[in-house]
């Protein structure tokens, strides 16, 4: 794609990077075949190719973002399916991230939109504030029909139970059982440990049982993805620096073999820390080191090869590959291989490349499209007739779980269960028993 940026514009590192990305695009349109919003809406401007044209025009002109551009960029899920499909290697993620930052800096949204985005950015990255908000939402649920617009949807998505903080989320070290194979840091996250504390608990049990020492480093918190995808760069970089600093102290102390992420949306962002802080002289080397060490928990377990093959568990698992896992991190085989080794019959989900509609805060800000995608995903999953649904991302678990009676669990919960851990709470509630 030909570009026409001025020398002054290209002096900006973000613009220079976007120009390189734009030049890789050859207009082939392969991306349209796998884009969820184009599949649903059939609008070229709601395809990756259409959005690339909009971003190119906006950035080249250097003018404030228009309402038209904002509408179609806001509709993008950042599922990154287009990057998997693209034969030219167009790094759409970095381009749309730059576009969102530019929009945040140049476009003034209507007051209700600004208020919602502020609320989500203020509440979700903070486990304390998020837990308080969920408690408030629980008591406000009866008033949901009277609430305007998206507030109605926010209340409807609030869980029926808000659990207290888990003990495993505190800064501490969990010793490996038996001979130590590795020493890792676990990112406990933000929203996940409020919505499903059992995921971190299962991760710690599983890793330590398999000979891995687990560190929860003091000072870690939200990865920054939630605000990053809203175009709020500085809060995202503040979160990144806090995490990098905490893990760097562990690296300089007893060392780490890996940084483990069990929410794939976070994993995609943490693996991109090196790029996000590439212009920050004080942090870029540490950021690159952290990014290089970061592994999804299934990616790490597969590399250790410590889960021995087991007999048939008698349970069929529909594995939903989160977009941030299969497209953002290109991890596809490992979770399914691990589940198969653990004795589960793993089913492929039709249209597995399409997003479920969660996409961070997308289901809260674009509820109509998100609901259509959820219903389509649930139909495809249920067609496989599974006993349980497994995935590696809390957002997908919440989104899919809101549309089906089939229990939804994190992959690591099933692996923990298969190797001696307790029954995952979702399976317990559903009365699912392991028969193998």
Protein backbone atom coordinates (compact mmCIF):
# COMPACT_ATOMS: atom_id res chain seq x y z
CA UNK A 1 0.00 0.00 0.00
CA UNK A 2 1.38 3.40 -0.96
CA UNK A 3 1.59 5.96 1.83
CA UNK A 4 2.03 9.73 1.91
CA UNK A 5 3.30 10.72 5.33
CA UNK A 6 5.45 13.82 5.74
CA UNK A 7 8.94 13.73 7.20
CA UNK A 8 7.63 15.54 10.27
CA UNK A 9 4.90 12.92 10.76
CA UNK A 10 7.38 10.06 10.45
CA UNK A 11 9.48 11.60 13.24
CA UNK A 12 6.81 10.22 15.58
CA UNK A 13 7.74 6.58 16.43
CA UNK A 14 4.13 5.39 16.42
CA UNK A 15 3.42 6.94 13.04
CA UNK A 16 6.66 5.54 11.60
CA UNK A 17 5.68 2.05 12.80
CA UNK A 18 2.17 2.40 11.39
CA UNK A 19 3.58 3.50 8.05
CA UNK A 20 5.66 0.31 7.85
CA UNK A 21 2.59 -1.77 8.66
CA UNK A 22 0.45 0.00 6.07
CA UNK A 23 3.08 -0.57 3.38
CA UNK A 24 2.85 -4.33 3.96
CA UNK A 25 -0.85 -4.42 3.08
CA UNK A 26 -1.53 -5.51 -0.53
CA UNK A 27 -5.35 -5.07 -0.47
CA UNK A 28 -5.86 -8.81 -1.04
CA UNK A 29 -8.95 -9.02 1.17
CA UNK A 30 -8.16 -12.44 2.65
CA UNK A 31 -8.76 -10.86 6.06
CA UNK A 32 -12.43 -10.22 5.29
CA UNK A 33 -13.15 -13.96 5.19
CA UNK A 34 -12.29 -14.46 8.86
CA UNK A 35 -13.32 -11.12 10.39
CA UNK A 36 -16.25 -11.56 12.82
CA UNK A 37 -17.75 -8.10 12.33
CA UNK A 38 -17.58 -8.33 8.54
CA UNK A 39 -19.15 -11.80 8.72
CA UNK A 40 -22.06 -10.37 10.72
CA UNK A 41 -22.48 -6.91 9.18
CA UNK A 42 -21.19 -7.32 5.62
CA UNK A 43 -19.83 -3.76 5.63
CA UNK A 44 -16.38 -3.27 4.07
CA UNK A 45 -15.62 -0.60 6.67
CA UNK A 46 -16.21 -3.22 9.37
CA UNK A 47 -13.52 -5.45 7.88
CA UNK A 48 -9.78 -5.23 8.61
CA UNK A 49 -9.11 -3.95 5.08
CA UNK A 50 -11.75 -1.26 5.44
CA UNK A 51 -10.44 -0.20 8.84
CA UNK A 52 -6.90 -0.07 7.47
CA UNK A 53 -8.07 2.41 4.81
CA UNK A 54 -9.81 4.50 7.48
CA UNK A 55 -6.74 4.50 9.73
CA UNK A 56 -4.42 5.35 6.85
CA UNK A 57 -6.55 8.31 5.81
CA UNK A 58 -6.89 9.57 9.38
CA UNK A 59 -3.20 9.31 10.22
CA UNK A 60 -1.97 10.77 6.93
CA UNK A 61 -4.24 13.80 7.18
CA UNK A 62 -3.26 14.35 10.80
CA UNK A 63 -6.71 15.72 11.55
CA UNK A 64 -8.94 14.85 14.51
CA UNK A 65 -10.69 11.52 14.20
CA UNK A 66 -14.16 11.69 12.67
CA UNK A 67 -17.30 10.07 14.09
CA UNK A 68 -17.31 7.71 11.10
CA UNK A 69 -13.79 6.46 11.81
CA UNK A 70 -14.52 6.09 15.52
CA UNK A 71 -17.68 4.08 14.83
CA UNK A 72 -15.90 1.45 12.75
CA UNK A 73 -12.72 1.27 14.86
CA UNK A 74 -14.84 0.89 18.01
CA UNK A 75 -16.59 -2.05 16.36
CA UNK A 76 -13.26 -3.86 15.93
CA UNK A 77 -12.90 -6.68 18.47
CA UNK A 78 -9.09 -6.79 18.22
CA UNK A 79 -9.57 -10.55 17.88
CA UNK A 80 -6.57 -10.55 15.47
CA UNK A 81 -8.03 -13.28 13.28
CA UNK A 82 -6.98 -11.08 10.37
CA UNK A 83 -3.34 -11.42 11.42
CA UNK A 84 -3.59 -15.21 11.29
CA UNK A 85 -5.14 -15.02 7.83
CA UNK A 86 -2.95 -12.28 6.31
CA UNK A 87 -0.39 -13.66 3.82
CA UNK A 88 1.61 -10.40 3.91
CA UNK A 89 2.32 -10.23 7.63
CA UNK A 90 0.39 -7.01 8.30
CA UNK A 91 0.67 -6.34 12.06
CA UNK A 92 -2.87 -5.10 12.45
CA UNK A 93 -2.67 -5.16 16.28
CA UNK A 94 -0.03 -2.43 16.46
CA UNK A 95 -1.81 -0.38 13.78
CA UNK A 96 -5.22 -0.42 15.47
CA UNK A 97 -3.64 0.21 18.88
CA UNK A 98 -2.03 3.35 17.44
CA UNK A 99 -5.35 4.32 15.88
CA UNK A 100 -7.15 3.99 19.20
CA UNK A 101 -4.55 6.11 20.93
CA UNK A 102 -4.95 8.77 18.23
CA UNK A 103 -8.74 8.66 18.59
CA UNK A 104 -8.48 9.02 22.37
CA UNK A 105 -6.28 12.10 21.92
CA UNK A 106 -8.29 13.83 19.16
CA UNK A 107 -11.96 12.82 19.44
CA UNK A 108 -14.43 13.98 22.09
CA UNK A 109 -17.04 11.31 22.65
CA UNK A 110 -20.60 12.02 23.85
CA UNK A 111 -20.89 12.33 27.61
CA UNK A 112 -22.57 8.92 28.25
CA UNK A 113 -19.83 7.21 26.24
CA UNK A 114 -17.08 9.05 28.11
CA UNK A 115 -18.70 8.19 31.43
CA UNK A 116 -18.95 4.47 30.61
CA UNK A 117 -15.36 4.27 29.42
CA UNK A 118 -14.14 6.14 32.50
CA UNK A 119 -16.12 3.81 34.75
CA UNK A 120 -14.73 0.66 33.13
CA UNK A 121 -11.16 1.99 33.17
CA UNK A 122 -11.49 3.00 36.83
CA UNK A 123 -13.18 -0.13 38.15
CA UNK A 124 -12.05 -3.22 36.21
CA UNK A 125 -8.24 -3.02 36.66
CA UNK A 126 -8.65 -2.71 40.46
CA UNK A 127 -9.75 -5.94 42.20
CA UNK A 128 -10.87 -3.95 45.25
CA UNK A 129 -13.03 -1.52 43.27
CA UNK A 130 -14.29 -4.29 40.97
CA UNK A 131 -15.39 -6.41 43.93
CA UNK A 132 -17.23 -3.44 45.46
CA UNK A 133 -18.89 -2.70 42.12
CA UNK A 134 -20.08 -6.30 41.81
CA UNK A 135 -21.52 -6.20 45.31
CA UNK A 136 -23.39 -3.03 44.40
CA UNK A 137 -24.57 -4.57 41.13
CA UNK A 138 -25.87 -7.63 42.98
CA UNK A 139 -28.19 -5.49 45.09
CA UNK A 140 -29.15 -3.30 42.12
CA UNK A 141 -30.09 -6.21 39.84
CA UNK A 142 -33.84 -5.96 40.57
CA UNK A 143 -33.69 -2.43 39.15
CA UNK A 144 -32.05 -3.55 35.88
CA UNK A 145 -35.24 -3.18 33.74
CA UNK A 146 -35.43 0.49 34.77
CA UNK A 147 -31.81 1.25 33.88
CA UNK A 148 -30.88 3.05 30.64
CA UNK A 149 -29.00 1.40 27.76
CA UNK A 150 -25.76 -0.29 28.63
CA UNK A 151 -26.20 -0.03 32.39
CA UNK A 152 -28.95 -2.61 32.02
CA UNK A 153 -26.45 -4.96 30.35
CA UNK A 154 -23.80 -4.28 32.97
CA UNK A 155 -26.16 -5.28 35.76
CA UNK A 156 -27.35 -8.37 33.89
CA UNK A 157 -23.76 -9.64 33.60
CA UNK A 158 -23.02 -9.32 37.33
CA UNK A 159 -22.46 -12.75 38.94
CA UNK A 160 -24.89 -14.15 41.49
CA UNK A 161 -22.07 -14.54 44.02
CA UNK A 162 -19.09 -12.33 44.86
CA UNK A 163 -16.40 -14.34 46.58
CA UNK A 164 -13.74 -13.02 48.97
CA UNK A 165 -10.11 -12.65 47.87
CA UNK A 166 -8.15 -15.87 47.55
CA UNK A 167 -5.13 -16.48 49.76
CA UNK A 168 -3.02 -17.49 46.76
CA UNK A 169 -3.22 -13.99 45.29
CA UNK A 170 -1.06 -12.48 48.04
CA UNK A 171 2.67 -11.95 47.38
CA UNK A 172 4.38 -15.19 48.43
CA UNK A 173 6.34 -18.24 47.28
CA UNK A 174 4.78 -21.68 46.80
CA UNK A 175 7.34 -24.45 47.10
CA UNK A 176 7.58 -27.18 44.47
CA UNK A 177 6.62 -30.71 45.47
CA UNK A 178 9.50 -33.15 45.09
CA UNK A 179 12.41 -32.25 42.84
CA UNK A 180 12.17 -28.67 41.60
CA UNK A 181 11.97 -28.49 37.80
CA UNK A 182 11.59 -24.73 37.43
CA UNK A 183 10.91 -21.44 39.20
CA UNK A 184 8.20 -19.20 37.75
CA UNK A 185 6.29 -16.02 38.54
CA UNK A 186 2.51 -16.19 38.28
CA UNK A 187 0.56 -13.14 37.19
CA UNK A 188 -2.60 -13.21 39.31
CA UNK A 189 -4.27 -10.47 37.27
CA UNK A 190 -7.21 -8.24 38.13
CA UNK A 191 -10.72 -9.12 36.92
CA UNK A 192 -10.04 -12.86 36.84
CA UNK A 193 -9.17 -13.19 40.51
CA UNK A 194 -12.44 -11.45 41.40
CA UNK A 195 -14.69 -13.41 39.02
CA UNK A 196 -13.02 -16.82 39.30
CA UNK A 197 -10.39 -17.11 42.08
CA UNK A 198 -10.37 -20.88 41.55
CA UNK A 199 -8.29 -20.41 38.37
CA UNK A 200 -5.23 -19.07 40.19
CA UNK A 201 -5.71 -21.66 42.93
CA UNK A 202 -5.78 -24.50 40.39
CA UNK A 203 -2.74 -23.06 38.60
CA UNK A 204 -0.68 -22.98 41.80
CA UNK A 205 -1.74 -26.51 42.80
CA UNK A 206 -0.99 -27.92 39.36
CA UNK A 207 2.40 -26.27 38.93
CA UNK A 208 3.68 -27.08 42.41
CA UNK A 209 2.42 -30.68 42.11
CA UNK A 210 4.48 -30.99 38.92
CA UNK A 211 7.65 -29.70 40.55
CA UNK A 212 7.47 -25.98 39.78
CA UNK A 213 8.14 -23.31 42.39
CA UNK A 214 5.63 -20.48 41.99
CA UNK A 215 6.24 -16.88 42.99
CA UNK A 216 3.55 -14.22 43.29
CA UNK A 217 5.71 -11.12 43.10
CA UNK A 218 4.92 -8.07 45.20
CA UNK A 219 3.81 -5.08 43.14
CA UNK A 220 2.17 -6.87 40.22
CA UNK A 221 -1.37 -6.11 39.14
CA UNK A 222 -3.40 -5.49 35.99
CA UNK A 223 -1.47 -6.10 32.77
CA UNK A 224 -2.81 -2.85 31.26
CA UNK A 225 -4.74 -4.46 28.40
CA UNK A 226 -8.15 -3.10 29.38
CA UNK A 227 -7.10 0.56 29.20
CA UNK A 228 -4.62 -0.06 26.37
CA UNK A 229 -7.44 -1.17 24.07
CA UNK A 230 -9.36 1.99 24.96
CA UNK A 231 -6.46 4.07 23.66
CA UNK A 232 -5.45 5.18 27.16
CA UNK A 233 -1.72 4.75 26.72
CA UNK A 234 -0.29 6.24 29.90
CA UNK A 235 -2.33 4.16 32.37
CA UNK A 236 -1.46 1.06 30.31
CA UNK A 237 2.26 1.86 30.44
CA UNK A 238 2.06 2.55 34.19
CA UNK A 239 0.65 -0.95 34.72
CA UNK A 240 3.31 -2.43 32.46
CA UNK A 241 6.14 -0.70 34.34
CA UNK A 242 4.79 -1.85 37.71
CA UNK A 243 4.71 -5.48 36.55
CA UNK A 244 8.07 -5.29 34.84
CA UNK A 245 9.67 -3.78 37.94
CA UNK A 246 8.25 -6.51 40.18
CA UNK A 247 9.38 -9.35 37.91
CA UNK A 248 12.77 -7.73 37.27
CA UNK A 249 13.42 -7.84 41.03
CA UNK A 250 12.72 -11.58 41.00
CA UNK A 251 14.98 -12.04 37.97
CA UNK A 252 17.79 -10.19 39.69
CA UNK A 253 17.24 -12.19 42.89
CA UNK A 254 16.69 -15.94 42.61
CA UNK A 255 15.89 -15.82 38.92
CA UNK A 256 12.89 -17.03 36.92
CA UNK A 257 12.48 -19.64 34.23
CA UNK A 258 9.21 -18.15 33.02
CA UNK A 259 6.45 -15.67 33.76
CA UNK A 260 3.18 -17.59 33.71
CA UNK A 261 -0.08 -16.09 32.47
CA UNK A 262 -3.38 -17.94 32.80
CA UNK A 263 -5.57 -15.32 31.11
CA UNK A 264 -4.67 -15.27 27.43
CA UNK A 265 -5.87 -11.69 26.96
CA UNK A 266 -3.23 -10.64 29.47
CA UNK A 267 -0.63 -12.91 27.86
CA UNK A 268 -0.92 -11.20 24.48
CA UNK A 269 -0.32 -7.81 26.10
CA UNK A 270 2.54 -8.86 28.41
CA UNK A 271 4.30 -10.52 25.47
CA UNK A 272 4.06 -7.12 23.75
CA UNK A 273 5.65 -5.14 26.60
CA UNK A 274 8.93 -4.94 24.69
CA UNK A 275 7.19 -3.17 21.83
CA UNK A 276 5.05 -0.97 24.06
CA UNK A 277 8.12 0.38 25.90
CA UNK A 278 10.57 0.32 22.99
CA UNK A 279 11.08 4.10 23.16
CA UNK A 280 11.55 4.23 26.92
CA UNK A 281 15.30 4.06 27.53
CA UNK A 282 14.90 3.32 31.23
CA UNK A 283 12.55 0.38 30.71
CA UNK A 284 12.96 -1.07 27.22
CA UNK A 285 15.60 -3.69 28.10
CA UNK A 286 13.71 -4.95 31.14
CA UNK A 287 10.47 -4.92 29.15
CA UNK A 288 12.03 -7.00 26.39
CA UNK A 289 13.39 -9.49 28.94
CA UNK A 290 9.98 -9.86 30.59
CA UNK A 291 8.22 -10.28 27.24
CA UNK A 292 10.67 -13.00 26.22
CA UNK A 293 10.06 -14.96 29.43
CA UNK A 294 6.27 -14.77 29.31
CA UNK A 295 4.39 -18.01 28.66
CA UNK A 296 0.77 -19.05 28.75
CA UNK A 297 0.41 -21.75 31.40
CA UNK A 298 -0.42 -24.38 28.75
CA UNK A 299 2.50 -23.29 26.60
CA UNK A 300 4.81 -23.70 29.61
CA UNK A 301 3.41 -27.08 30.66
CA UNK A 302 3.72 -28.40 27.12
CA UNK A 303 7.39 -27.38 27.01
CA UNK A 304 8.07 -29.18 30.31
CA UNK A 305 6.35 -32.37 29.07
CA UNK A 306 5.40 -33.37 32.63
CA UNK A 307 1.77 -34.48 32.21
CA UNK A 308 1.83 -38.22 31.56
CA UNK A 309 -0.86 -39.82 29.34
CA UNK A 310 -3.87 -41.02 31.35
CA UNK A 311 -6.81 -43.33 30.75
CA UNK A 312 -10.04 -42.07 29.23
CA UNK A 313 -11.85 -39.82 31.72
CA UNK A 314 -15.18 -40.42 30.05
CA UNK A 315 -15.79 -36.70 29.54
CA UNK A 316 -16.06 -34.82 26.27
CA UNK A 317 -14.53 -31.35 26.28
CA UNK A 318 -15.31 -28.66 23.72
CA UNK A 319 -12.14 -26.57 23.67
CA UNK A 320 -12.79 -22.93 22.81
CA UNK A 321 -9.56 -21.31 21.68
CA UNK A 322 -9.67 -17.69 22.81
CA UNK A 323 -8.74 -15.20 20.08
CA UNK A 324 -5.91 -13.85 22.20
CA UNK A 325 -4.60 -17.43 22.44
CA UNK A 326 -4.87 -18.67 18.85
CA UNK A 327 -4.43 -15.36 17.00
CA UNK A 328 -2.66 -13.11 19.49
CA UNK A 329 -0.11 -15.70 20.67
CA UNK A 330 -0.41 -18.36 17.95
CA UNK A 331 -0.99 -21.07 20.59
CA UNK A 332 -3.35 -23.71 19.20
CA UNK A 333 -2.02 -27.24 19.68
CA UNK A 334 -0.74 -27.18 23.27
CA UNK A 335 -4.00 -26.82 25.28
CA UNK A 336 -5.72 -29.56 23.25
CA UNK A 337 -2.71 -31.87 23.52
CA UNK A 338 -2.58 -31.42 27.29
CA UNK A 339 -6.29 -32.10 27.70
CA UNK A 340 -6.02 -35.22 25.55
CA UNK A 341 -3.06 -36.47 27.60
CA UNK A 342 -5.10 -35.89 30.75
CA UNK A 343 -7.73 -38.30 29.45
CA UNK A 344 -10.39 -35.98 28.06
CA UNK A 345 -11.99 -36.43 24.63
CA UNK A 346 -11.39 -33.05 22.97
CA UNK A 347 -13.82 -31.80 20.33
CA UNK A 348 -13.05 -29.13 17.73
CA UNK A 349 -15.58 -26.28 17.70
CA UNK A 350 -16.98 -25.34 14.26
CA UNK A 351 -16.01 -21.80 13.19
CA UNK A 352 -13.41 -21.91 15.93
CA UNK A 353 -11.59 -18.91 14.45
CA UNK A 354 -14.53 -16.57 15.18
CA UNK A 355 -14.60 -14.51 18.37
CA UNK A 356 -17.17 -15.21 21.11
CA UNK A 357 -17.77 -11.47 21.50
CA UNK A 358 -16.11 -10.92 24.86
CA UNK A 359 -12.92 -9.17 23.71
CA UNK A 360 -12.03 -7.41 26.96
CA UNK A 361 -14.71 -4.75 27.48
CA UNK A 362 -16.24 -5.15 24.01
CA UNK A 363 -19.32 -7.01 25.28
CA UNK A 364 -19.99 -4.06 27.60
CA UNK A 365 -19.44 -1.33 24.99
CA UNK A 366 -20.82 -3.08 21.87
CA UNK A 367 -23.49 -5.34 23.40
CA UNK A 368 -25.56 -5.93 20.24
CA UNK A 369 -22.69 -7.30 18.14
CA UNK A 370 -21.24 -9.14 21.14
CA UNK A 371 -24.57 -10.87 21.79
CA UNK A 372 -24.84 -12.03 18.18
CA UNK A 373 -21.33 -13.46 18.33
CA UNK A 374 -22.03 -15.16 21.67
CA UNK A 375 -25.16 -16.83 20.34
CA UNK A 376 -23.31 -18.02 17.23
CA UNK A 377 -20.42 -19.35 19.34
CA UNK A 378 -22.74 -21.16 21.75
CA UNK A 379 -24.63 -22.82 18.87
CA UNK A 380 -21.36 -24.08 17.43
CA UNK A 381 -20.14 -25.34 20.79
CA UNK A 382 -23.39 -27.08 21.66
CA UNK A 383 -23.37 -28.83 18.28
CA UNK A 384 -20.42 -30.91 19.51
CA UNK A 385 -22.51 -32.22 22.46
CA UNK A 386 -19.80 -31.72 25.10
CA UNK A 387 -19.98 -32.45 28.82
CA UNK A 388 -17.88 -29.39 29.57
CA UNK A 389 -16.42 -26.35 27.80
CA UNK A 390 -12.77 -25.42 28.39
CA UNK A 391 -10.98 -22.23 27.48
CA UNK A 392 -7.97 -20.22 28.61
CA UNK A 393 -9.43 -16.76 29.10
CA UNK A 394 -11.73 -15.42 31.81
CA UNK A 395 -13.53 -13.09 29.41
CA UNK A 396 -14.51 -15.99 27.16
CA UNK A 397 -15.60 -18.03 30.17
CA UNK A 398 -17.93 -15.25 31.33
CA UNK A 399 -19.27 -14.52 27.85
CA UNK A 400 -19.95 -18.13 26.82
CA UNK A 401 -21.20 -19.08 30.27
CA UNK A 402 -23.91 -16.45 29.93
CA UNK A 403 -25.39 -18.27 26.95
CA UNK A 404 -25.35 -21.97 27.82
CA UNK A 405 -26.14 -24.39 30.63
CA UNK A 406 -23.02 -26.45 29.84
CA UNK A 407 -20.39 -25.78 32.54
CA UNK A 408 -17.46 -23.62 31.42
CA UNK A 409 -14.06 -24.04 33.08
CA UNK A 410 -10.50 -22.92 32.57
CA UNK A 411 -8.22 -25.47 30.89
CA UNK A 412 -5.93 -25.46 33.92
CA UNK A 413 -8.81 -26.50 36.19
CA UNK A 414 -9.32 -29.70 34.20
CA UNK A 415 -5.58 -30.41 34.18
CA UNK A 416 -5.42 -29.87 37.93
CA UNK A 417 -8.41 -32.17 38.45
CA UNK A 418 -6.92 -34.88 36.25
CA UNK A 419 -3.66 -34.86 38.21
CA UNK A 420 -5.11 -35.08 41.71
CA UNK A 421 -6.78 -31.73 42.36
CA UNK A 422 -10.37 -31.11 43.44
CA UNK A 423 -13.35 -31.07 41.12
CA UNK A 424 -13.65 -27.65 39.42
CA UNK A 425 -16.45 -25.66 41.12
CA UNK A 426 -18.41 -25.25 37.86
CA UNK A 427 -18.48 -29.03 37.37
CA UNK A 428 -19.39 -29.56 41.00
CA UNK A 429 -22.36 -27.20 40.69
CA UNK A 430 -23.47 -28.91 37.49
CA UNK A 431 -23.17 -32.38 39.02
CA UNK A 432 -20.64 -33.55 36.42
CA UNK A 433 -18.66 -36.55 37.58
CA UNK A 434 -15.51 -38.03 36.16
CA UNK A 435 -16.39 -41.58 35.15
CA UNK A 436 -12.98 -42.77 33.90
